[in-house]
Amino acid sequence: MKRKVKNKTGLSEVVTTLLLIVLSLVAIGLIWTFVSNLLNKQISSSESCVGNIDQIKLEPHYTCWEPDSSGNPSAVRFSITVGNIDVDKIIVSIASSDKIQSYTITNTPSSVGGLKPIPYSGSTQVVLPGKNSGATYNATGFTGEIDSIRIAPVINGNQCDVSDSLTQIENCQLIV
């Protein structure tokens, strides 16, 4: 009789060990799945911006500030070029001595307060330039010296870092 009790104890230890191994494998699988999904999301969001930043630029030759009747800045003209890349939208930030103004230009023609396309055809709707093209815009409502213009693209739903900026913006009347 004593022999049967020992066999049951041995069998119980084997089952317990196998259950612990199975539970450990399941826990490792769950953790791996969670971490893998998290890393894949981070990698895909950063991949959309890497290598594409130099594809979206400000054109310094067509970027300047327009003076009012007393010679002070009243508007900013800027030009954006897009290379061989699909862009969802571009966030433009213009800093002057009295304020910072941001504009979001999308692929869908829309009215953006204080921003109009150049050449102005009567419509205030602006749209992003397509692949391998450019567009010029006029931002109004400035009264102080223009300090900088920065653009940050949004690619595949991910906002990228600033892709280009200008800090020396000239008076449009001085550009020949």
Protein backbone atom coordinates (compact mmCIF):
# COMPACT_ATOMS: atom_id res chain seq x y z
CA MET A 1 0.00 0.00 0.00
CA LYS A 2 2.85 2.33 0.75
CA ARG A 3 4.16 1.84 -2.73
CA LYS A 4 0.98 3.16 -4.40
CA VAL A 5 1.09 6.36 -2.31
CA LYS A 6 4.63 7.10 -3.43
CA ASN A 7 3.63 6.66 -7.10
CA LYS A 8 0.74 9.11 -6.69
CA THR A 9 3.08 11.68 -5.14
CA GLY A 10 5.57 11.30 -7.98
CA LEU A 11 2.85 11.67 -10.58
CA SER A 12 1.57 14.81 -8.84
CA GLU A 13 5.04 16.42 -8.95
CA VAL A 14 5.40 15.70 -12.69
CA VAL A 15 1.96 17.25 -13.41
CA THR A 16 2.78 20.30 -11.28
CA THR A 17 6.12 20.78 -13.08
CA LEU A 18 4.48 20.48 -16.51
CA LEU A 19 1.76 22.99 -15.50
CA LEU A 20 4.40 25.47 -14.35
CA ILE A 21 6.30 25.09 -17.63
CA VAL A 22 3.11 25.57 -19.69
CA LEU A 23 2.10 28.64 -17.65
CA SER A 24 5.58 30.10 -18.06
CA LEU A 25 5.48 29.59 -21.84
CA VAL A 26 2.02 31.19 -22.06
CA ALA A 27 3.20 34.20 -19.98
CA ILE A 28 6.29 34.61 -22.17
CA GLY A 29 4.10 34.43 -25.30
CA LEU A 30 1.71 37.09 -23.99
CA ILE A 31 4.53 39.44 -23.00
CA TRP A 32 6.29 38.91 -26.34
CA THR A 33 3.10 39.69 -28.27
CA PHE A 34 2.50 42.90 -26.30
CA VAL A 35 6.09 44.14 -26.63
CA SER A 36 6.29 43.16 -30.31
CA ASN A 37 3.10 45.07 -31.18
CA LEU A 38 4.30 48.12 -29.25
CA LEU A 39 7.67 48.12 -31.00
CA ASN A 40 6.13 47.60 -34.44
CA LYS A 41 3.85 50.63 -33.95
CA GLN A 42 6.80 52.80 -32.89
CA ILE A 43 8.95 51.61 -35.79
CA SER A 44 6.23 52.19 -38.40
CA SER A 45 5.53 55.72 -37.10
CA SER A 46 9.20 56.69 -37.23
CA GLU A 47 9.81 55.02 -40.62
CA SER A 48 7.34 57.35 -42.34
CA CYS A 49 9.48 60.38 -41.42
CA VAL A 50 13.00 58.94 -41.73
CA GLY A 51 14.59 59.75 -45.06
CA ASN A 52 11.68 61.93 -46.15
CA ILE A 53 12.41 65.12 -44.27
CA ASP A 54 14.65 66.55 -47.02
CA GLN A 55 11.77 66.10 -49.48
CA ILE A 56 9.77 69.04 -48.03
CA LYS A 57 11.48 72.43 -48.17
CA LEU A 58 10.94 76.16 -47.95
CA GLU A 59 12.14 78.05 -51.03
CA PRO A 60 14.23 80.98 -49.72
CA HIS A 61 14.12 82.83 -53.09
CA TYR A 62 10.33 83.12 -52.90
CA THR A 63 10.03 83.76 -49.16
CA CYS A 64 9.88 87.33 -47.90
CA TRP A 65 7.80 89.78 -45.88
CA GLU A 66 5.56 92.39 -47.43
CA PRO A 67 5.61 95.88 -45.92
CA ASP A 68 2.60 98.04 -45.14
CA SER A 69 2.45 101.73 -46.14
CA SER A 70 4.83 102.69 -43.32
CA GLY A 71 7.38 100.02 -44.22
CA ASN A 72 6.58 97.60 -41.37
CA PRO A 73 5.86 93.89 -41.98
CA SER A 74 2.18 93.19 -42.63
CA ALA A 75 2.29 89.85 -44.46
CA VAL A 76 4.65 86.99 -45.18
CA ARG A 77 5.02 85.32 -48.54
CA PHE A 78 6.46 81.80 -48.44
CA SER A 79 6.92 78.99 -50.92
CA ILE A 80 6.94 75.25 -50.16
CA THR A 81 8.28 72.53 -52.47
CA VAL A 82 7.47 68.84 -52.09
CA GLY A 83 9.66 66.15 -53.60
CA ASN A 84 8.69 62.66 -54.66
CA ILE A 85 6.67 61.87 -51.53
CA ASP A 86 3.04 61.77 -50.39
CA VAL A 87 2.35 64.24 -47.58
CA ASP A 88 -0.90 64.36 -45.58
CA LYS A 89 -0.45 67.95 -44.43
CA ILE A 90 2.18 70.53 -43.53
CA ILE A 91 2.17 72.64 -40.39
CA VAL A 92 3.68 76.08 -40.99
CA SER A 93 4.79 78.20 -38.04
CA ILE A 94 5.69 81.85 -38.52
CA ALA A 95 7.29 83.67 -35.60
CA SER A 96 7.40 87.45 -35.45
CA SER A 97 8.43 89.84 -32.72
CA ASP A 98 4.79 90.16 -31.61
CA LYS A 99 3.31 86.66 -32.12
CA ILE A 100 3.67 83.12 -33.40
CA GLN A 101 1.07 82.00 -35.92
CA SER A 102 0.55 78.42 -37.13
CA TYR A 103 -1.21 77.26 -40.27
CA THR A 104 -2.15 73.73 -41.33
CA ILE A 105 -2.20 73.14 -45.08
CA THR A 106 -3.81 69.87 -46.20
CA ASN A 107 -4.35 67.95 -49.45
CA THR A 108 -7.97 69.06 -49.49
CA PRO A 109 -8.61 72.65 -50.59
CA SER A 110 -9.77 74.55 -47.52
CA SER A 111 -9.92 78.04 -46.09
CA VAL A 112 -7.24 78.69 -43.50
CA GLY A 113 -7.66 81.96 -41.60
CA GLY A 114 -5.12 84.58 -42.63
CA LEU A 115 -3.67 82.46 -45.44
CA LYS A 116 -4.31 82.63 -49.18
CA PRO A 117 -2.64 81.17 -52.27
CA ILE A 118 -0.40 83.11 -54.62
CA PRO A 119 -1.36 83.87 -57.32
CA TYR A 120 -4.61 84.97 -55.73
CA SER A 121 -7.53 84.06 -57.98
CA GLY A 122 -10.36 85.25 -55.73
CA SER A 123 -10.53 82.04 -53.72
CA THR A 124 -8.95 81.92 -50.27
CA GLN A 125 -8.79 78.12 -50.32
CA VAL A 126 -5.28 76.71 -50.01
CA VAL A 127 -4.03 73.22 -50.79
CA LEU A 128 -0.70 71.43 -50.46
CA PRO A 129 1.49 71.15 -53.52
CA GLY A 130 1.46 67.66 -55.03
CA LYS A 131 4.44 65.40 -55.59
CA ASN A 132 7.42 67.09 -57.25
CA SER A 133 5.83 70.53 -57.21
CA GLY A 134 5.58 73.70 -55.20
CA ALA A 135 3.14 76.37 -54.11
CA THR A 136 3.39 79.90 -52.75
CA TYR A 137 1.20 81.34 -50.00
CA ASN A 138 0.57 84.72 -48.36
CA ALA A 139 0.04 84.92 -44.58
CA THR A 140 -1.41 88.19 -43.28
CA GLY A 141 -1.84 89.85 -39.90
CA PHE A 142 1.74 90.53 -38.85
CA THR A 143 2.92 93.83 -37.38
CA GLY A 144 6.37 92.99 -36.04
CA GLU A 145 9.66 91.86 -37.53
CA ILE A 146 9.49 88.31 -38.92
CA ASP A 147 11.93 86.10 -37.01
CA SER A 148 11.48 82.66 -38.55
CA ILE A 149 9.37 80.30 -40.63
CA ARG A 150 9.31 76.56 -39.92
CA ILE A 151 7.54 73.69 -41.61
CA ALA A 152 6.76 70.24 -40.20
CA PRO A 153 5.17 67.61 -42.45
CA VAL A 154 2.62 65.00 -41.43
CA ILE A 155 3.28 61.75 -43.30
CA ASN A 156 1.06 58.67 -42.96
CA GLY A 157 -0.69 60.30 -40.01
CA ASN A 158 2.56 60.90 -38.11
CA GLN A 159 3.80 64.42 -37.42
CA CYS A 160 7.49 64.62 -38.21
CA ASP A 161 10.08 67.02 -36.83
CA VAL A 162 10.70 70.36 -38.50
CA SER A 163 11.91 69.60 -42.02
CA ASP A 164 13.06 73.11 -42.94
CA SER A 165 13.25 76.58 -41.48
CA LEU A 166 14.34 80.07 -42.46
CA THR A 167 15.55 82.70 -40.03
CA GLN A 168 16.58 85.48 -42.38
CA ILE A 169 13.48 86.69 -44.14
CA GLU A 170 14.00 89.68 -46.44
CA ASN A 171 11.68 92.53 -47.42
CA CYS A 172 9.93 91.54 -50.68
CA GLN A 173 10.63 94.99 -52.15
CA LEU A 174 14.39 94.37 -51.80
CA ILE A 175 14.32 91.07 -53.69
CA VAL A 176 15.06 91.51 -57.35
